[in-house]
Amino acid sequence: MNISKLIDDAAEKQELSQAKLAKTIGISAASLSNLRTGKGELSDETYIKLAKLAGVDPTEVIIEKHMRKAGPEGRKVWATLAKALPKSAALLVIVALVVPYNQAHASTIQILQAAKYLLC
């Protein structure tokens, strides 16, 4: 999904101005504007908030973000993940890549270990 469309969909669905949408997701209006024009980037957590407000699957938004940021080989990997994994498994992969291991809660570690066992 195009980032401008994601922003527009979130603002429209929540009936918010761009400035109020930015405040709702915890960023400045300037950061939201920069994002729209391709001059900025948001954290995964902020993309997830934006996706939820737009009524879009956060997994798809995060995969698309990382596909945009990756080099040619990385984009291939993210595209393969997007096509091959069911959404729940893709979410676990994203969590494993995004959440630093030493910051993860014990329950998250257990879930990731179970997912690794099931996916391997």
C-alpha atoms as a PDB file:
ATOM      1  CA  MET A   1       0.000   0.000   0.000  1.00  0.00           C
ATOM      2  CA  ASN A   2       1.241   3.439  -0.900  1.00  0.00           C
ATOM      3  CA  ILE A   3       2.185   5.409   2.229  1.00  0.00           C
ATOM      4  CA  SER A   4       0.166   8.454   1.141  1.00  0.00           C
ATOM      5  CA  LYS A   5      -2.898   6.244   0.740  1.00  0.00           C
ATOM      6  CA  LEU A   6      -2.275   4.703   4.158  1.00  0.00           C
ATOM      7  CA  ILE A   7      -2.129   8.163   5.739  1.00  0.00           C
ATOM      8  CA  ASP A   8      -5.247   9.309   3.866  1.00  0.00           C
ATOM      9  CA  ASP A   9      -7.153   6.140   4.773  1.00  0.00           C
ATOM     10  CA  ALA A  10      -6.246   6.453   8.461  1.00  0.00           C
ATOM     11  CA  ALA A  11      -7.249  10.130   8.578  1.00  0.00           C
ATOM     12  CA  GLU A  12     -10.496   9.479   6.712  1.00  0.00           C
ATOM     13  CA  LYS A  13     -11.493   6.402   8.706  1.00  0.00           C
ATOM     14  CA  GLN A  14     -10.830   8.163  12.026  1.00  0.00           C
ATOM     15  CA  GLU A  15     -12.234  11.491  10.777  1.00  0.00           C
ATOM     16  CA  LEU A  16      -9.029  13.303  11.733  1.00  0.00           C
ATOM     17  CA  SER A  17      -7.082  16.117  10.142  1.00  0.00           C
ATOM     18  CA  GLN A  18      -3.486  15.337   9.184  1.00  0.00           C
ATOM     19  CA  ALA A  19      -2.277  17.280  12.235  1.00  0.00           C
ATOM     20  CA  LYS A  20      -4.569  15.355  14.601  1.00  0.00           C
ATOM     21  CA  LEU A  21      -3.616  12.061  12.968  1.00  0.00           C
ATOM     22  CA  ALA A  22       0.060  12.849  13.532  1.00  0.00           C
ATOM     23  CA  LYS A  23      -0.632  13.630  17.186  1.00  0.00           C
ATOM     24  CA  THR A  24      -2.676  10.435  17.567  1.00  0.00           C
ATOM     25  CA  ILE A  25       0.204   8.265  16.355  1.00  0.00           C
ATOM     26  CA  GLY A  26       2.733  10.227  18.400  1.00  0.00           C
ATOM     27  CA  ILE A  27       4.646  12.154  15.748  1.00  0.00           C
ATOM     28  CA  SER A  28       4.779  15.753  14.576  1.00  0.00           C
ATOM     29  CA  ALA A  29       2.763  17.017  11.629  1.00  0.00           C
ATOM     30  CA  ALA A  30       6.085  17.784   9.900  1.00  0.00           C
ATOM     31  CA  SER A  31       7.186  14.150  10.301  1.00  0.00           C
ATOM     32  CA  LEU A  32       3.915  12.965   8.782  1.00  0.00           C
ATOM     33  CA  SER A  33       4.375  15.369   5.886  1.00  0.00           C
ATOM     34  CA  ASN A  34       7.947  14.172   5.358  1.00  0.00           C
ATOM     35  CA  LEU A  35       6.744  10.589   5.364  1.00  0.00           C
ATOM     36  CA  ARG A  36       4.165  11.377   2.709  1.00  0.00           C
ATOM     37  CA  THR A  37       6.822  12.903   0.448  1.00  0.00           C
ATOM     38  CA  GLY A  38       9.345  10.119   0.990  1.00  0.00           C
ATOM     39  CA  LYS A  39      11.717  12.257   3.043  1.00  0.00           C
ATOM     40  CA  GLY A  40      11.080  10.528   6.339  1.00  0.00           C
ATOM     41  CA  GLU A  41      10.593   7.144   7.910  1.00  0.00           C
ATOM     42  CA  LEU A  42       8.661   5.946  10.947  1.00  0.00           C
ATOM     43  CA  SER A  43       9.389   3.278  13.504  1.00  0.00           C
ATOM     44  CA  ASP A  44       7.671  -0.065  13.059  1.00  0.00           C
ATOM     45  CA  GLU A  45       5.551   0.682  16.122  1.00  0.00           C
ATOM     46  CA  THR A  46       4.281   3.911  14.569  1.00  0.00           C
ATOM     47  CA  TYR A  47       3.508   2.163  11.279  1.00  0.00           C
ATOM     48  CA  ILE A  48       1.514  -0.407  13.235  1.00  0.00           C
ATOM     49  CA  LYS A  49      -0.523   2.363  14.902  1.00  0.00           C
ATOM     50  CA  LEU A  50      -1.134   3.989  11.516  1.00  0.00           C
ATOM     51  CA  ALA A  51      -2.159   0.679   9.931  1.00  0.00           C
ATOM     52  CA  LYS A  52      -4.614  -0.064  12.728  1.00  0.00           C
ATOM     53  CA  LEU A  53      -6.190   3.376  12.385  1.00  0.00           C
ATOM     54  CA  ALA A  54      -6.526   2.798   8.634  1.00  0.00           C
ATOM     55  CA  GLY A  55      -8.049  -0.641   9.170  1.00  0.00           C
ATOM     56  CA  VAL A  56      -5.163  -2.311   7.340  1.00  0.00           C
ATOM     57  CA  ASP A  57      -3.249  -5.436   8.361  1.00  0.00           C
ATOM     58  CA  PRO A  58      -0.121  -4.165  10.167  1.00  0.00           C
ATOM     59  CA  THR A  59       1.833  -7.190   8.940  1.00  0.00           C
ATOM     60  CA  GLU A  60       1.454  -6.093   5.345  1.00  0.00           C
ATOM     61  CA  VAL A  61       2.469  -2.520   6.167  1.00  0.00           C
ATOM     62  CA  ILE A  62       5.622  -3.616   8.013  1.00  0.00           C
ATOM     63  CA  ILE A  63       6.630  -6.013   5.245  1.00  0.00           C
ATOM     64  CA  GLU A  64       6.132  -3.256   2.663  1.00  0.00           C
ATOM     65  CA  LYS A  65       8.198  -0.827   4.766  1.00  0.00           C
ATOM     66  CA  HIS A  66      11.099  -3.229   4.999  1.00  0.00           C
ATOM     67  CA  MET A  67      10.843  -4.080   1.298  1.00  0.00           C
ATOM     68  CA  ARG A  68      11.185  -0.353   0.486  1.00  0.00           C
ATOM     69  CA  LYS A  69      14.211   0.050   2.745  1.00  0.00           C
ATOM     70  CA  ALA A  70      16.025  -3.125   1.696  1.00  0.00           C
ATOM     71  CA  GLY A  71      18.477  -3.495  -1.128  1.00  0.00           C
ATOM     72  CA  PRO A  72      17.696  -5.674  -4.160  1.00  0.00           C
ATOM     73  CA  GLU A  73      18.492  -8.966  -2.430  1.00  0.00           C
ATOM     74  CA  GLY A  74      16.669  -7.951   0.744  1.00  0.00           C
ATOM     75  CA  ARG A  75      13.564  -6.986  -1.251  1.00  0.00           C
ATOM     76  CA  LYS A  76      13.517 -10.470  -2.766  1.00  0.00           C
ATOM     77  CA  VAL A  77      13.586 -12.028   0.700  1.00  0.00           C
ATOM     78  CA  TRP A  78      10.797  -9.781   2.009  1.00  0.00           C
ATOM     79  CA  ALA A  79       8.711 -10.450  -1.120  1.00  0.00           C
ATOM     80  CA  THR A  80       9.179 -14.193  -0.656  1.00  0.00           C
ATOM     81  CA  LEU A  81       8.138 -13.896   2.988  1.00  0.00           C
ATOM     82  CA  ALA A  82       5.054 -11.908   2.035  1.00  0.00           C
ATOM     83  CA  LYS A  83       3.966 -14.545  -0.487  1.00  0.00           C
ATOM     84  CA  ALA A  84       4.989 -17.711   1.323  1.00  0.00           C
ATOM     85  CA  LEU A  85       3.982 -17.215   4.917  1.00  0.00           C
ATOM     86  CA  PRO A  86       0.503 -17.083   6.338  1.00  0.00           C
ATOM     87  CA  LYS A  87      -0.099 -13.765   8.081  1.00  0.00           C
ATOM     88  CA  SER A  88       0.350 -15.172  11.572  1.00  0.00           C
ATOM     89  CA  ALA A  89       3.708 -16.718  10.678  1.00  0.00           C
ATOM     90  CA  ALA A  90       4.797 -13.533   8.895  1.00  0.00           C
ATOM     91  CA  LEU A  91       3.993 -11.553  12.018  1.00  0.00           C
ATOM     92  CA  LEU A  92       6.172 -13.876  14.088  1.00  0.00           C
ATOM     93  CA  VAL A  93       9.040 -13.432  11.630  1.00  0.00           C
ATOM     94  CA  ILE A  94       8.661  -9.661  11.824  1.00  0.00           C
ATOM     95  CA  VAL A  95       8.640  -9.762  15.619  1.00  0.00           C
ATOM     96  CA  ALA A  96      11.783 -11.889  15.550  1.00  0.00           C
ATOM     97  CA  LEU A  97      13.535  -9.407  13.274  1.00  0.00           C
ATOM     98  CA  VAL A  98      12.284  -6.200  14.880  1.00  0.00           C
ATOM     99  CA  VAL A  99      12.363  -6.921  18.617  1.00  0.00           C
ATOM    100  CA  PRO A 100      15.936  -7.229  19.883  1.00  0.00           C
ATOM    101  CA  TYR A 101      16.323 -10.576  21.618  1.00  0.00           C
ATOM    102  CA  ASN A 102      17.534  -9.114  24.911  1.00  0.00           C
ATOM    103  CA  GLN A 103      14.548  -6.741  25.089  1.00  0.00           C
ATOM    104  CA  ALA A 104      11.892  -9.347  24.391  1.00  0.00           C
ATOM    105  CA  HIS A 105       9.674 -10.536  27.224  1.00  0.00           C
ATOM    106  CA  ALA A 106       9.915 -14.153  28.300  1.00  0.00           C
ATOM    107  CA  SER A 107       6.511 -14.932  26.780  1.00  0.00           C
ATOM    108  CA  THR A 108       7.580 -13.471  23.438  1.00  0.00           C
ATOM    109  CA  ILE A 109      10.716 -15.613  23.518  1.00  0.00           C
ATOM    110  CA  GLN A 110       8.604 -18.700  24.195  1.00  0.00           C
ATOM    111  CA  ILE A 111       6.266 -17.850  21.311  1.00  0.00           C
ATOM    112  CA  LEU A 112       9.205 -17.330  18.961  1.00  0.00           C
ATOM    113  CA  GLN A 113      10.778 -20.618  20.012  1.00  0.00           C
ATOM    114  CA  ALA A 114       7.488 -22.414  19.389  1.00  0.00           C
ATOM    115  CA  ALA A 115       7.125 -20.701  16.016  1.00  0.00           C
ATOM    116  CA  LYS A 116      10.669 -21.689  15.051  1.00  0.00           C
ATOM    117  CA  TYR A 117       9.880 -25.291  15.960  1.00  0.00           C
ATOM    118  CA  LEU A 118       6.661 -25.271  13.922  1.00  0.00           C
ATOM    119  CA  LEU A 119       8.163 -23.489  10.895  1.00  0.00           C
ATOM    120  CA  CYS A 120      11.344 -25.601  10.675  1.00  0.00           C
END
